Amino acid sequence: MTGVQFEFNKSTLRDESKAVLDRVAVAIRGAIANRPGISIEVQGHTDAIGSDSYNQGLSERRAASVRDYVVSVESSIAGALTTRGYGESQPIADNGTDEGRTQNRRVEFVVSGD
């Protein structure tokens, strides 16, 4: 998924991310209707600035922020969602650049099950 990234040291959603998540919530509702056995993990991530323990907590707050928002849009999907924070352990870009750190401050959705 693209479009859900966070400001440095923040877990609050940007307005542009809310627009993306509105569409994601509807898509998740449809996926659950077609495949009732699926589960979706909302995974939070951070850049590498800060301590491991701080970034772990921040990634958990980011995942919870996204989960709470999509459930506010589509309450029927709440039971299919779990959250997990990964801190800085799974970067997708170089943490040595501003652009890379921006890309690493993100949340992803991972679908599993039938």
PDB file of N, CA and C in Angstrom:
ATOM      1  N   MET A   1       0.848  -1.179   0.000  1.00  0.00           N
ATOM      2  CA  MET A   1       0.000   0.000   0.000  1.00  0.00           C
ATOM      3  C   MET A   1       0.886   1.231   0.000  1.00  0.00           C
ATOM      4  N   THR A   2       0.483   2.257  -0.682  1.00  0.00           N
ATOM      5  CA  THR A   2       1.248   3.499  -0.703  1.00  0.00           C
ATOM      6  C   THR A   2       0.430   4.607  -0.061  1.00  0.00           C
ATOM      7  N   GLY A   3       1.119   5.634   0.402  1.00  0.00           N
ATOM      8  CA  GLY A   3       0.417   6.821   0.832  1.00  0.00           C
ATOM      9  C   GLY A   3       0.208   6.993   2.314  1.00  0.00           C
ATOM     10  N   VAL A   4       0.561   6.015   3.148  1.00  0.00           N
ATOM     11  CA  VAL A   4       0.383   6.194   4.585  1.00  0.00           C
ATOM     12  C   VAL A   4       1.764   6.256   5.220  1.00  0.00           C
ATOM     13  N   GLN A   5       2.234   7.480   5.380  1.00  0.00           N
ATOM     14  CA  GLN A   5       3.506   7.722   6.026  1.00  0.00           C
ATOM     15  C   GLN A   5       3.285   8.761   7.115  1.00  0.00           C
ATOM     16  N   PHE A   6       4.285   8.919   7.972  1.00  0.00           N
ATOM     17  CA  PHE A   6       4.142   9.751   9.154  1.00  0.00           C
ATOM     18  C   PHE A   6       5.246  10.789   9.225  1.00  0.00           C
ATOM     19  N   GLU A   7       4.935  11.885   9.889  1.00  0.00           N
ATOM     20  CA  GLU A   7       5.942  12.892  10.193  1.00  0.00           C
ATOM     21  C   GLU A   7       6.922  12.297  11.204  1.00  0.00           C
ATOM     22  N   PHE A   8       8.102  12.874  11.284  1.00  0.00           N
ATOM     23  CA  PHE A   8       9.106  12.450  12.247  1.00  0.00           C
ATOM     24  C   PHE A   8       8.539  12.506  13.662  1.00  0.00           C
ATOM     25  N   ASN A   9       8.705  11.422  14.400  1.00  0.00           N
ATOM     26  CA  ASN A   9       8.326  11.338  15.811  1.00  0.00           C
ATOM     27  C   ASN A   9       6.825  11.504  16.050  1.00  0.00           C
ATOM     28  N   LYS A  10       5.998  11.183  15.069  1.00  0.00           N
ATOM     29  CA  LYS A  10       4.544  11.342  15.189  1.00  0.00           C
ATOM     30  C   LYS A  10       3.833  10.034  14.872  1.00  0.00           C
ATOM     31  N   SER A  11       2.656   9.867  15.478  1.00  0.00           N
ATOM     32  CA  SER A  11       1.792   8.729  15.150  1.00  0.00           C
ATOM     33  C   SER A  11       0.417   9.204  14.688  1.00  0.00           C
ATOM     34  N   THR A  12       0.264  10.516  14.528  1.00  0.00           N
ATOM     35  CA  THR A  12      -1.011  11.053  14.049  1.00  0.00           C
ATOM     36  C   THR A  12      -1.063  10.977  12.527  1.00  0.00           C
ATOM     37  N   LEU A  13      -2.269  10.755  12.018  1.00  0.00           N
ATOM     38  CA  LEU A  13      -2.444  10.602  10.577  1.00  0.00           C
ATOM     39  C   LEU A  13      -2.492  11.951   9.876  1.00  0.00           C
ATOM     40  N   ARG A  14      -1.867  12.029   8.726  1.00  0.00           N
ATOM     41  CA  ARG A  14      -1.969  13.201   7.860  1.00  0.00           C
ATOM     42  C   ARG A  14      -3.318  13.149   7.147  1.00  0.00           C
ATOM     43  N   ASP A  15      -3.820  14.299   6.731  1.00  0.00           N
ATOM     44  CA  ASP A  15      -5.093  14.336   6.004  1.00  0.00           C
ATOM     45  C   ASP A  15      -5.040  13.506   4.732  1.00  0.00           C
ATOM     46  N   GLU A  16      -3.930  13.575   3.999  1.00  0.00           N
ATOM     47  CA  GLU A  16      -3.833  12.800   2.764  1.00  0.00           C
ATOM     48  C   GLU A  16      -3.817  11.296   3.035  1.00  0.00           C
ATOM     49  N   SER A  17      -3.308  10.897   4.190  1.00  0.00           N
ATOM     50  CA  SER A  17      -3.336   9.481   4.558  1.00  0.00           C
ATOM     51  C   SER A  17      -4.755   9.029   4.880  1.00  0.00           C
ATOM     52  N   LYS A  18      -5.537   9.904   5.468  1.00  0.00           N
ATOM     53  CA  LYS A  18      -6.927   9.549   5.773  1.00  0.00           C
ATOM     54  C   LYS A  18      -7.707   9.257   4.498  1.00  0.00           C
ATOM     55  N   ALA A  19      -7.456  10.019   3.452  1.00  0.00           N
ATOM     56  CA  ALA A  19      -8.137   9.765   2.175  1.00  0.00           C
ATOM     57  C   ALA A  19      -7.769   8.388   1.633  1.00  0.00           C
ATOM     58  N   VAL A  20      -6.509   8.006   1.745  1.00  0.00           N
ATOM     59  CA  VAL A  20      -6.073   6.672   1.316  1.00  0.00           C
ATOM     60  C   VAL A  20      -6.739   5.612   2.183  1.00  0.00           C
ATOM     61  N   LEU A  21      -6.752   5.835   3.487  1.00  0.00           N
ATOM     62  CA  LEU A  21      -7.309   4.844   4.412  1.00  0.00           C
ATOM     63  C   LEU A  21      -8.817   4.695   4.274  1.00  0.00           C
ATOM     64  N   ASP A  22      -9.510   5.741   3.852  1.00  0.00           N
ATOM     65  CA  ASP A  22     -10.945   5.608   3.572  1.00  0.00           C
ATOM     66  C   ASP A  22     -11.165   4.531   2.517  1.00  0.00           C
ATOM     67  N   ARG A  23     -10.358   4.568   1.470  1.00  0.00           N
ATOM     68  CA  ARG A  23     -10.473   3.567   0.395  1.00  0.00           C
ATOM     69  C   ARG A  23     -10.027   2.189   0.871  1.00  0.00           C
ATOM     70  N   VAL A  24      -8.997   2.149   1.683  1.00  0.00           N
ATOM     71  CA  VAL A  24      -8.504   0.874   2.212  1.00  0.00           C
ATOM     72  C   VAL A  24      -9.569   0.209   3.076  1.00  0.00           C
ATOM     73  N   ALA A  25     -10.248   0.975   3.913  1.00  0.00           N
ATOM     74  CA  ALA A  25     -11.283   0.411   4.785  1.00  0.00           C
ATOM     75  C   ALA A  25     -12.386  -0.249   3.971  1.00  0.00           C
ATOM     76  N   VAL A  26     -12.805   0.396   2.903  1.00  0.00           N
ATOM     77  CA  VAL A  26     -13.841  -0.171   2.032  1.00  0.00           C
ATOM     78  C   VAL A  26     -13.320  -1.438   1.356  1.00  0.00           C
ATOM     79  N   ALA A  27     -12.071  -1.411   0.910  1.00  0.00           N
ATOM     80  CA  ALA A  27     -11.479  -2.591   0.267  1.00  0.00           C
ATOM     81  C   ALA A  27     -11.367  -3.756   1.245  1.00  0.00           C
ATOM     82  N   ILE A  28     -11.003  -3.472   2.482  1.00  0.00           N
ATOM     83  CA  ILE A  28     -10.914  -4.530   3.492  1.00  0.00           C
ATOM     84  C   ILE A  28     -12.292  -5.126   3.749  1.00  0.00           C
ATOM     85  N   ARG A  29     -13.301  -4.284   3.853  1.00  0.00           N
ATOM     86  CA  ARG A  29     -14.662  -4.788   4.043  1.00  0.00           C
ATOM     87  C   ARG A  29     -15.034  -5.753   2.916  1.00  0.00           C
ATOM     88  N   GLY A  30     -14.735  -5.390   1.688  1.00  0.00           N
ATOM     89  CA  GLY A  30     -15.023  -6.261   0.552  1.00  0.00           C
ATOM     90  C   GLY A  30     -14.232  -7.551   0.596  1.00  0.00           C
ATOM     91  N   ALA A  31     -12.970  -7.465   0.980  1.00  0.00           N
ATOM     92  CA  ALA A  31     -12.134  -8.664   1.066  1.00  0.00           C
ATOM     93  C   ALA A  31     -12.662  -9.625   2.124  1.00  0.00           C
ATOM     94  N   ILE A  32     -13.090  -9.089   3.249  1.00  0.00           N
ATOM     95  CA  ILE A  32     -13.630  -9.933   4.317  1.00  0.00           C
ATOM     96  C   ILE A  32     -14.934 -10.581   3.870  1.00  0.00           C
ATOM     97  N   ALA A  33     -15.748  -9.861   3.139  1.00  0.00           N
ATOM     98  CA  ALA A  33     -17.010 -10.424   2.640  1.00  0.00           C
ATOM     99  C   ALA A  33     -16.747 -11.588   1.689  1.00  0.00           C
ATOM    100  N   ASN A  34     -15.703 -11.471   0.873  1.00  0.00           N
ATOM    101  CA  ASN A  34     -15.374 -12.519  -0.089  1.00  0.00           C
ATOM    102  C   ASN A  34     -14.552 -13.655   0.503  1.00  0.00           C
ATOM    103  N   ARG A  35     -13.788 -13.352   1.542  1.00  0.00           N
ATOM    104  CA  ARG A  35     -12.915 -14.343   2.177  1.00  0.00           C
ATOM    105  C   ARG A  35     -13.024 -14.190   3.692  1.00  0.00           C
ATOM    106  N   PRO A  36     -14.092 -14.715   4.295  1.00  0.00           N
ATOM    107  CA  PRO A  36     -14.341 -14.482   5.721  1.00  0.00           C
ATOM    108  C   PRO A  36     -13.235 -14.956   6.664  1.00  0.00           C
ATOM    109  N   GLY A  37     -12.365 -15.856   6.221  1.00  0.00           N
ATOM    110  CA  GLY A  37     -11.324 -16.380   7.101  1.00  0.00           C
ATOM    111  C   GLY A  37     -10.045 -15.576   7.139  1.00  0.00           C
ATOM    112  N   ILE A  38      -9.982 -14.460   6.429  1.00  0.00           N
ATOM    113  CA  ILE A  38      -8.721 -13.724   6.396  1.00  0.00           C
ATOM    114  C   ILE A  38      -8.501 -12.920   7.670  1.00  0.00           C
ATOM    115  N   SER A  39      -7.234 -12.670   7.930  1.00  0.00           N
ATOM    116  CA  SER A  39      -6.858 -11.745   8.999  1.00  0.00           C
ATOM    117  C   SER A  39      -5.866 -10.750   8.405  1.00  0.00           C
ATOM    118  N   ILE A  40      -5.851  -9.580   8.968  1.00  0.00           N
ATOM    119  CA  ILE A  40      -5.009  -8.509   8.440  1.00  0.00           C
ATOM    120  C   ILE A  40      -4.213  -7.907   9.590  1.00  0.00           C
ATOM    121  N   GLU A  41      -2.892  -7.967   9.444  1.00  0.00           N
ATOM    122  CA  GLU A  41      -2.017  -7.365  10.439  1.00  0.00           C
ATOM    123  C   GLU A  41      -1.639  -5.966   9.970  1.00  0.00           C
ATOM    124  N   VAL A  42      -1.878  -4.994  10.815  1.00  0.00           N
ATOM    125  CA  VAL A  42      -1.490  -3.613  10.554  1.00  0.00           C
ATOM    126  C   VAL A  42      -0.108  -3.442  11.186  1.00  0.00           C
ATOM    127  N   GLN A  43       0.900  -3.251  10.345  1.00  0.00           N
ATOM    128  CA  GLN A  43       2.284  -3.230  10.796  1.00  0.00           C
ATOM    129  C   GLN A  43       2.840  -1.815  10.795  1.00  0.00           C
ATOM    130  N   GLY A  44       3.298  -1.374  11.963  1.00  0.00           N
ATOM    131  CA  GLY A  44       3.888  -0.047  12.085  1.00  0.00           C
ATOM    132  C   GLY A  44       5.402  -0.104  12.016  1.00  0.00           C
ATOM    133  N   HIS A  45       6.006   0.929  11.411  1.00  0.00           N
ATOM    134  CA  HIS A  45       7.455   0.995  11.224  1.00  0.00           C
ATOM    135  C   HIS A  45       7.952   2.412  11.503  1.00  0.00           C
ATOM    136  N   THR A  46       9.235   2.513  11.803  1.00  0.00           N
ATOM    137  CA  THR A  46       9.868   3.815  12.047  1.00  0.00           C
ATOM    138  C   THR A  46      11.171   3.919  11.257  1.00  0.00           C
ATOM    139  N   ASP A  47      11.740   5.118  11.269  1.00  0.00           N
ATOM    140  CA  ASP A  47      13.103   5.267  10.767  1.00  0.00           C
ATOM    141  C   ASP A  47      14.056   4.867  11.899  1.00  0.00           C
ATOM    142  N   ALA A  48      15.350   5.052  11.699  1.00  0.00           N
ATOM    143  CA  ALA A  48      16.335   4.579  12.672  1.00  0.00           C
ATOM    144  C   ALA A  48      16.788   5.652  13.656  1.00  0.00           C
ATOM    145  N   ILE A  49      16.156   6.813  13.646  1.00  0.00           N
ATOM    146  CA  ILE A  49      16.536   7.854  14.595  1.00  0.00           C
ATOM    147  C   ILE A  49      15.831   7.576  15.917  1.00  0.00           C
ATOM    148  N   GLY A  50      16.592   7.576  17.002  1.00  0.00           N
ATOM    149  CA  GLY A  50      16.029   7.288  18.314  1.00  0.00           C
ATOM    150  C   GLY A  50      16.419   5.898  18.784  1.00  0.00           C
ATOM    151  N   SER A  51      16.099   5.619  20.031  1.00  0.00           N
ATOM    152  CA  SER A  51      16.458   4.318  20.604  1.00  0.00           C
ATOM    153  C   SER A  51      15.543   3.219  20.079  1.00  0.00           C
ATOM    154  N   ASP A  52      16.029   1.993  20.149  1.00  0.00           N
ATOM    155  CA  ASP A  52      15.221   0.853  19.722  1.00  0.00           C
ATOM    156  C   ASP A  52      13.903   0.795  20.490  1.00  0.00           C
ATOM    157  N   SER A  53      13.973   0.998  21.802  1.00  0.00           N
ATOM    158  CA  SER A  53      12.751   0.879  22.609  1.00  0.00           C
ATOM    159  C   SER A  53      11.762   2.002  22.288  1.00  0.00           C
ATOM    160  N   TYR A  54      12.262   3.213  22.080  1.00  0.00           N
ATOM    161  CA  TYR A  54      11.358   4.309  21.725  1.00  0.00           C
ATOM    162  C   TYR A  54      10.705   4.043  20.371  1.00  0.00           C
ATOM    163  N   ASN A  55      11.505   3.629  19.398  1.00  0.00           N
ATOM    164  CA  ASN A  55      10.970   3.366  18.066  1.00  0.00           C
ATOM    165  C   ASN A  55       9.981   2.208  18.072  1.00  0.00           C
ATOM    166  N   GLN A  56      10.202   1.224  18.931  1.00  0.00           N
ATOM    167  CA  GLN A  56       9.244   0.126  19.041  1.00  0.00           C
ATOM    168  C   GLN A  56       7.882   0.659  19.486  1.00  0.00           C
ATOM    169  N   GLY A  57       7.879   1.469  20.524  1.00  0.00           N
ATOM    170  CA  GLY A  57       6.620   2.050  21.000  1.00  0.00           C
ATOM    171  C   GLY A  57       5.960   2.940  19.966  1.00  0.00           C
ATOM    172  N   LEU A  58       6.764   3.745  19.269  1.00  0.00           N
ATOM    173  CA  LEU A  58       6.230   4.627  18.232  1.00  0.00           C
ATOM    174  C   LEU A  58       5.609   3.814  17.100  1.00  0.00           C
ATOM    175  N   SER A  59       6.254   2.735  16.703  1.00  0.00           N
ATOM    176  CA  SER A  59       5.698   1.900  15.629  1.00  0.00           C
ATOM    177  C   SER A  59       4.383   1.262  16.061  1.00  0.00           C
ATOM    178  N   GLU A  60       4.281   0.882  17.323  1.00  0.00           N
ATOM    179  CA  GLU A  60       3.026   0.321  17.838  1.00  0.00           C
ATOM    180  C   GLU A  60       1.922   1.373  17.837  1.00  0.00           C
ATOM    181  N   ARG A  61       2.258   2.604  18.212  1.00  0.00           N
ATOM    182  CA  ARG A  61       1.264   3.683  18.199  1.00  0.00           C
ATOM    183  C   ARG A  61       0.815   4.002  16.775  1.00  0.00           C
ATOM    184  N   ARG A  62       1.728   3.951  15.830  1.00  0.00           N
ATOM    185  CA  ARG A  62       1.362   4.189  14.428  1.00  0.00           C
ATOM    186  C   ARG A  62       0.399   3.123  13.925  1.00  0.00           C
ATOM    187  N   ALA A  63       0.696   1.869  14.214  1.00  0.00           N
ATOM    188  CA  ALA A  63      -0.194   0.783  13.782  1.00  0.00           C
ATOM    189  C   ALA A  63      -1.571   0.945  14.415  1.00  0.00           C
ATOM    190  N   ALA A  64      -1.610   1.281  15.700  1.00  0.00           N
ATOM    191  CA  ALA A  64      -2.891   1.459  16.389  1.00  0.00           C
ATOM    192  C   ALA A  64      -3.664   2.647  15.820  1.00  0.00           C
ATOM    193  N   SER A  65      -2.966   3.714  15.475  1.00  0.00           N
ATOM    194  CA  SER A  65      -3.615   4.892  14.897  1.00  0.00           C
ATOM    195  C   SER A  65      -4.304   4.544  13.585  1.00  0.00           C
ATOM    196  N   VAL A  66      -3.623   3.783  12.744  1.00  0.00           N
ATOM    197  CA  VAL A  66      -4.204   3.373  11.464  1.00  0.00           C
ATOM    198  C   VAL A  66      -5.374   2.426  11.690  1.00  0.00           C
ATOM    199  N   ARG A  67      -5.194   1.435  12.557  1.00  0.00           N
ATOM    200  CA  ARG A  67      -6.288   0.506  12.848  1.00  0.00           C
ATOM    201  C   ARG A  67      -7.510   1.265  13.360  1.00  0.00           C
ATOM    202  N   ASP A  68      -7.314   2.130  14.308  1.00  0.00           N
ATOM    203  CA  ASP A  68      -8.440   2.872  14.878  1.00  0.00           C
ATOM    204  C   ASP A  68      -9.155   3.701  13.813  1.00  0.00           C
ATOM    205  N   TYR A  69      -8.395   4.294  12.914  1.00  0.00           N
ATOM    206  CA  TYR A  69      -9.024   5.105  11.876  1.00  0.00           C
ATOM    207  C   TYR A  69      -9.843   4.246  10.920  1.00  0.00           C
ATOM    208  N   VAL A  70      -9.272   3.155  10.407  1.00  0.00           N
ATOM    209  CA  VAL A  70     -10.032   2.350   9.437  1.00  0.00           C
ATOM    210  C   VAL A  70     -11.254   1.715  10.092  1.00  0.00           C
ATOM    211  N   VAL A  71     -11.167   1.381  11.366  1.00  0.00           N
ATOM    212  CA  VAL A  71     -12.335   0.842  12.072  1.00  0.00           C
ATOM    213  C   VAL A  71     -13.387   1.933  12.263  1.00  0.00           C
ATOM    214  N   SER A  72     -12.966   3.184  12.420  1.00  0.00           N
ATOM    215  CA  SER A  72     -13.948   4.275  12.528  1.00  0.00           C
ATOM    216  C   SER A  72     -14.692   4.475  11.210  1.00  0.00           C
ATOM    217  N   VAL A  73     -14.065   4.113  10.105  1.00  0.00           N
ATOM    218  CA  VAL A  73     -14.694   4.220   8.785  1.00  0.00           C
ATOM    219  C   VAL A  73     -15.590   3.020   8.519  1.00  0.00           C
ATOM    220  N   GLU A  74     -15.110   1.823   8.853  1.00  0.00           N
ATOM    221  CA  GLU A  74     -15.833   0.564   8.607  1.00  0.00           C
ATOM    222  C   GLU A  74     -15.758  -0.289   9.866  1.00  0.00           C
ATOM    223  N   SER A  75     -16.691  -0.115  10.783  1.00  0.00           N
ATOM    224  CA  SER A  75     -16.621  -0.820  12.065  1.00  0.00           C
ATOM    225  C   SER A  75     -16.694  -2.335  11.917  1.00  0.00           C
ATOM    226  N   SER A  76     -17.275  -2.822  10.839  1.00  0.00           N
ATOM    227  CA  SER A  76     -17.433  -4.266  10.657  1.00  0.00           C
ATOM    228  C   SER A  76     -16.110  -4.997  10.457  1.00  0.00           C
ATOM    229  N   ILE A  77     -15.027  -4.288  10.200  1.00  0.00           N
ATOM    230  CA  ILE A  77     -13.752  -4.949   9.937  1.00  0.00           C
ATOM    231  C   ILE A  77     -12.891  -5.128  11.184  1.00  0.00           C
ATOM    232  N   ALA A  78     -13.346  -4.626  12.312  1.00  0.00           N
ATOM    233  CA  ALA A  78     -12.523  -4.609  13.522  1.00  0.00           C
ATOM    234  C   ALA A  78     -11.998  -5.988  13.903  1.00  0.00           C
ATOM    235  N   GLY A  79     -12.831  -7.007  13.800  1.00  0.00           N
ATOM    236  CA  GLY A  79     -12.428  -8.343  14.223  1.00  0.00           C
ATOM    237  C   GLY A  79     -11.348  -8.978  13.374  1.00  0.00           C
ATOM    238  N   ALA A  80     -11.152  -8.489  12.178  1.00  0.00           N
ATOM    239  CA  ALA A  80     -10.147  -9.062  11.276  1.00  0.00           C
ATOM    240  C   ALA A  80      -8.777  -8.402  11.422  1.00  0.00           C
ATOM    241  N   LEU A  81      -8.693  -7.317  12.182  1.00  0.00           N
ATOM    242  CA  LEU A  81      -7.455  -6.539  12.259  1.00  0.00           C
ATOM    243  C   LEU A  81      -6.697  -6.779  13.553  1.00  0.00           C
ATOM    244  N   THR A  82      -5.394  -6.955  13.429  1.00  0.00           N
ATOM    245  CA  THR A  82      -4.491  -6.955  14.572  1.00  0.00           C
ATOM    246  C   THR A  82      -3.403  -5.926  14.277  1.00  0.00           C
ATOM    247  N   THR A  83      -2.677  -5.535  15.298  1.00  0.00           N
ATOM    248  CA  THR A  83      -1.594  -4.575  15.090  1.00  0.00           C
ATOM    249  C   THR A  83      -0.288  -5.134  15.620  1.00  0.00           C
ATOM    250  N   ARG A  84       0.794  -4.672  15.021  1.00  0.00           N
ATOM    251  CA  ARG A  84       2.122  -5.050  15.496  1.00  0.00           C
ATOM    252  C   ARG A  84       3.103  -3.961  15.090  1.00  0.00           C
ATOM    253  N   GLY A  85       3.957  -3.608  16.011  1.00  0.00           N
ATOM    254  CA  GLY A  85       5.007  -2.646  15.723  1.00  0.00           C
ATOM    255  C   GLY A  85       6.327  -3.357  15.477  1.00  0.00           C
ATOM    256  N   TYR A  86       7.061  -2.875  14.498  1.00  0.00           N
ATOM    257  CA  TYR A  86       8.357  -3.452  14.152  1.00  0.00           C
ATOM    258  C   TYR A  86       9.508  -2.485  14.398  1.00  0.00           C
ATOM    259  N   GLY A  87       9.209  -1.325  14.949  1.00  0.00           N
ATOM    260  CA  GLY A  87      10.266  -0.355  15.203  1.00  0.00           C
ATOM    261  C   GLY A  87      11.028  -0.032  13.936  1.00  0.00           C
ATOM    262  N   GLU A  88      12.344  -0.016  14.059  1.00  0.00           N
ATOM    263  CA  GLU A  88      13.214   0.308  12.924  1.00  0.00           C
ATOM    264  C   GLU A  88      13.783  -0.940  12.260  1.00  0.00           C
ATOM    265  N   SER A  89      13.271  -2.125  12.616  1.00  0.00           N
ATOM    266  CA  SER A  89      13.884  -3.394  12.202  1.00  0.00           C
ATOM    267  C   SER A  89      13.656  -3.788  10.748  1.00  0.00           C
ATOM    268  N   GLN A  90      12.701  -3.163  10.052  1.00  0.00           N
ATOM    269  CA  GLN A  90      12.398  -3.557   8.677  1.00  0.00           C
ATOM    270  C   GLN A  90      12.346  -2.343   7.740  1.00  0.00           C
ATOM    271  N   PRO A  91      13.479  -1.675   7.565  1.00  0.00           N
ATOM    272  CA  PRO A  91      13.476  -0.514   6.669  1.00  0.00           C
ATOM    273  C   PRO A  91      13.260  -0.936   5.216  1.00  0.00           C
ATOM    274  N   ILE A  92      12.628  -0.054   4.456  1.00  0.00           N
ATOM    275  CA  ILE A  92      12.468  -0.282   3.015  1.00  0.00           C
ATOM    276  C   ILE A  92      13.342   0.675   2.214  1.00  0.00           C
ATOM    277  N   ALA A  93      14.016   1.576   2.918  1.00  0.00           N
ATOM    278  CA  ALA A  93      14.860   2.574   2.262  1.00  0.00           C
ATOM    279  C   ALA A  93      16.045   2.889   3.169  1.00  0.00           C
ATOM    280  N   ASP A  94      16.977   3.634   2.657  1.00  0.00           N
ATOM    281  CA  ASP A  94      18.204   3.990   3.356  1.00  0.00           C
ATOM    282  C   ASP A  94      17.909   4.981   4.482  1.00  0.00           C
ATOM    283  N   ASN A  95      18.211   4.588   5.710  1.00  0.00           N
ATOM    284  CA  ASN A  95      18.017   5.486   6.844  1.00  0.00           C
ATOM    285  C   ASN A  95      19.083   6.578   6.920  1.00  0.00           C
ATOM    286  N   GLY A  96      20.029   6.562   5.986  1.00  0.00           N
ATOM    287  CA  GLY A  96      21.070   7.582   5.954  1.00  0.00           C
ATOM    288  C   GLY A  96      20.670   8.848   5.217  1.00  0.00           C
ATOM    289  N   THR A  97      19.467   8.869   4.630  1.00  0.00           N
ATOM    290  CA  THR A  97      19.000  10.057   3.907  1.00  0.00           C
ATOM    291  C   THR A  97      17.632  10.483   4.436  1.00  0.00           C
ATOM    292  N   ASP A  98      17.321  11.767   4.283  1.00  0.00           N
ATOM    293  CA  ASP A  98      15.999  12.262   4.689  1.00  0.00           C
ATOM    294  C   ASP A  98      14.897  11.540   3.929  1.00  0.00           C
ATOM    295  N   GLU A  99      15.087  11.374   2.629  1.00  0.00           N
ATOM    296  CA  GLU A  99      14.076  10.703   1.809  1.00  0.00           C
ATOM    297  C   GLU A  99      13.860   9.258   2.264  1.00  0.00           C
ATOM    298  N   GLY A 100      14.942   8.566   2.543  1.00  0.00           N
ATOM    299  CA  GLY A 100      14.829   7.186   3.006  1.00  0.00           C
ATOM    300  C   GLY A 100      14.130   7.091   4.348  1.00  0.00           C
ATOM    301  N   ARG A 101      14.486   7.974   5.268  1.00  0.00           N
ATOM    302  CA  ARG A 101      13.829   7.961   6.583  1.00  0.00           C
ATOM    303  C   ARG A 101      12.338   8.246   6.449  1.00  0.00           C
ATOM    304  N   THR A 102      11.974   9.163   5.554  1.00  0.00           N
ATOM    305  CA  THR A 102      10.557   9.453   5.316  1.00  0.00           C
ATOM    306  C   THR A 102       9.830   8.198   4.851  1.00  0.00           C
ATOM    307  N   GLN A 103      10.433   7.456   3.943  1.00  0.00           N
ATOM    308  CA  GLN A 103       9.807   6.231   3.442  1.00  0.00           C
ATOM    309  C   GLN A 103       9.673   5.168   4.531  1.00  0.00           C
ATOM    310  N   ASN A 104      10.595   5.150   5.465  1.00  0.00           N
ATOM    311  CA  ASN A 104      10.569   4.137   6.521  1.00  0.00           C
ATOM    312  C   ASN A 104       9.537   4.420   7.607  1.00  0.00           C
ATOM    313  N   ARG A 105       9.065   5.647   7.701  1.00  0.00           N
ATOM    314  CA  ARG A 105       8.030   6.009   8.685  1.00  0.00           C
ATOM    315  C   ARG A 105       6.669   5.689   8.076  1.00  0.00           C
ATOM    316  N   ARG A 106       6.216   4.457   8.236  1.00  0.00           N
ATOM    317  CA  ARG A 106       5.061   3.975   7.482  1.00  0.00           C
ATOM    318  C   ARG A 106       4.288   2.924   8.256  1.00  0.00           C
ATOM    319  N   VAL A 107       3.116   2.588   7.699  1.00  0.00           N
ATOM    320  CA  VAL A 107       2.317   1.447   8.148  1.00  0.00           C
ATOM    321  C   VAL A 107       1.962   0.630   6.918  1.00  0.00           C
ATOM    322  N   GLU A 108       2.005  -0.681   7.063  1.00  0.00           N
ATOM    323  CA  GLU A 108       1.651  -1.605   5.984  1.00  0.00           C
ATOM    324  C   GLU A 108       0.568  -2.555   6.469  1.00  0.00           C
ATOM    325  N   PHE A 109      -0.202  -3.080   5.533  1.00  0.00           N
ATOM    326  CA  PHE A 109      -1.219  -4.089   5.815  1.00  0.00           C
ATOM    327  C   PHE A 109      -0.748  -5.415   5.229  1.00  0.00           C
ATOM    328  N   VAL A 110      -0.779  -6.478   6.037  1.00  0.00           N
ATOM    329  CA  VAL A 110      -0.401  -7.808   5.557  1.00  0.00           C
ATOM    330  C   VAL A 110      -1.594  -8.730   5.760  1.00  0.00           C
ATOM    331  N   VAL A 111      -2.050  -9.328   4.656  1.00  0.00           N
ATOM    332  CA  VAL A 111      -3.236 -10.193   4.666  1.00  0.00           C
ATOM    333  C   VAL A 111      -2.790 -11.643   4.723  1.00  0.00           C
ATOM    334  N   SER A 112      -3.448 -12.428   5.580  1.00  0.00           N
ATOM    335  CA  SER A 112      -3.168 -13.863   5.639  1.00  0.00           C
ATOM    336  C   SER A 112      -4.467 -14.625   5.867  1.00  0.00           C
ATOM    337  N   GLY A 113      -4.405 -15.928   5.650  1.00  0.00           N
ATOM    338  CA  GLY A 113      -5.585 -16.770   5.842  1.00  0.00           C
ATOM    339  C   GLY A 113      -6.279 -17.068   4.541  1.00  0.00           C
ATOM    340  N   ASP A 114      -7.442 -17.700   4.678  1.00  0.00           N
ATOM    341  CA  ASP A 114      -8.176 -18.167   3.490  1.00  0.00           C
ATOM    342  C   ASP A 114      -8.709 -17.038   2.696  1.00  0.00           C
TER     343      ASP A 114
END
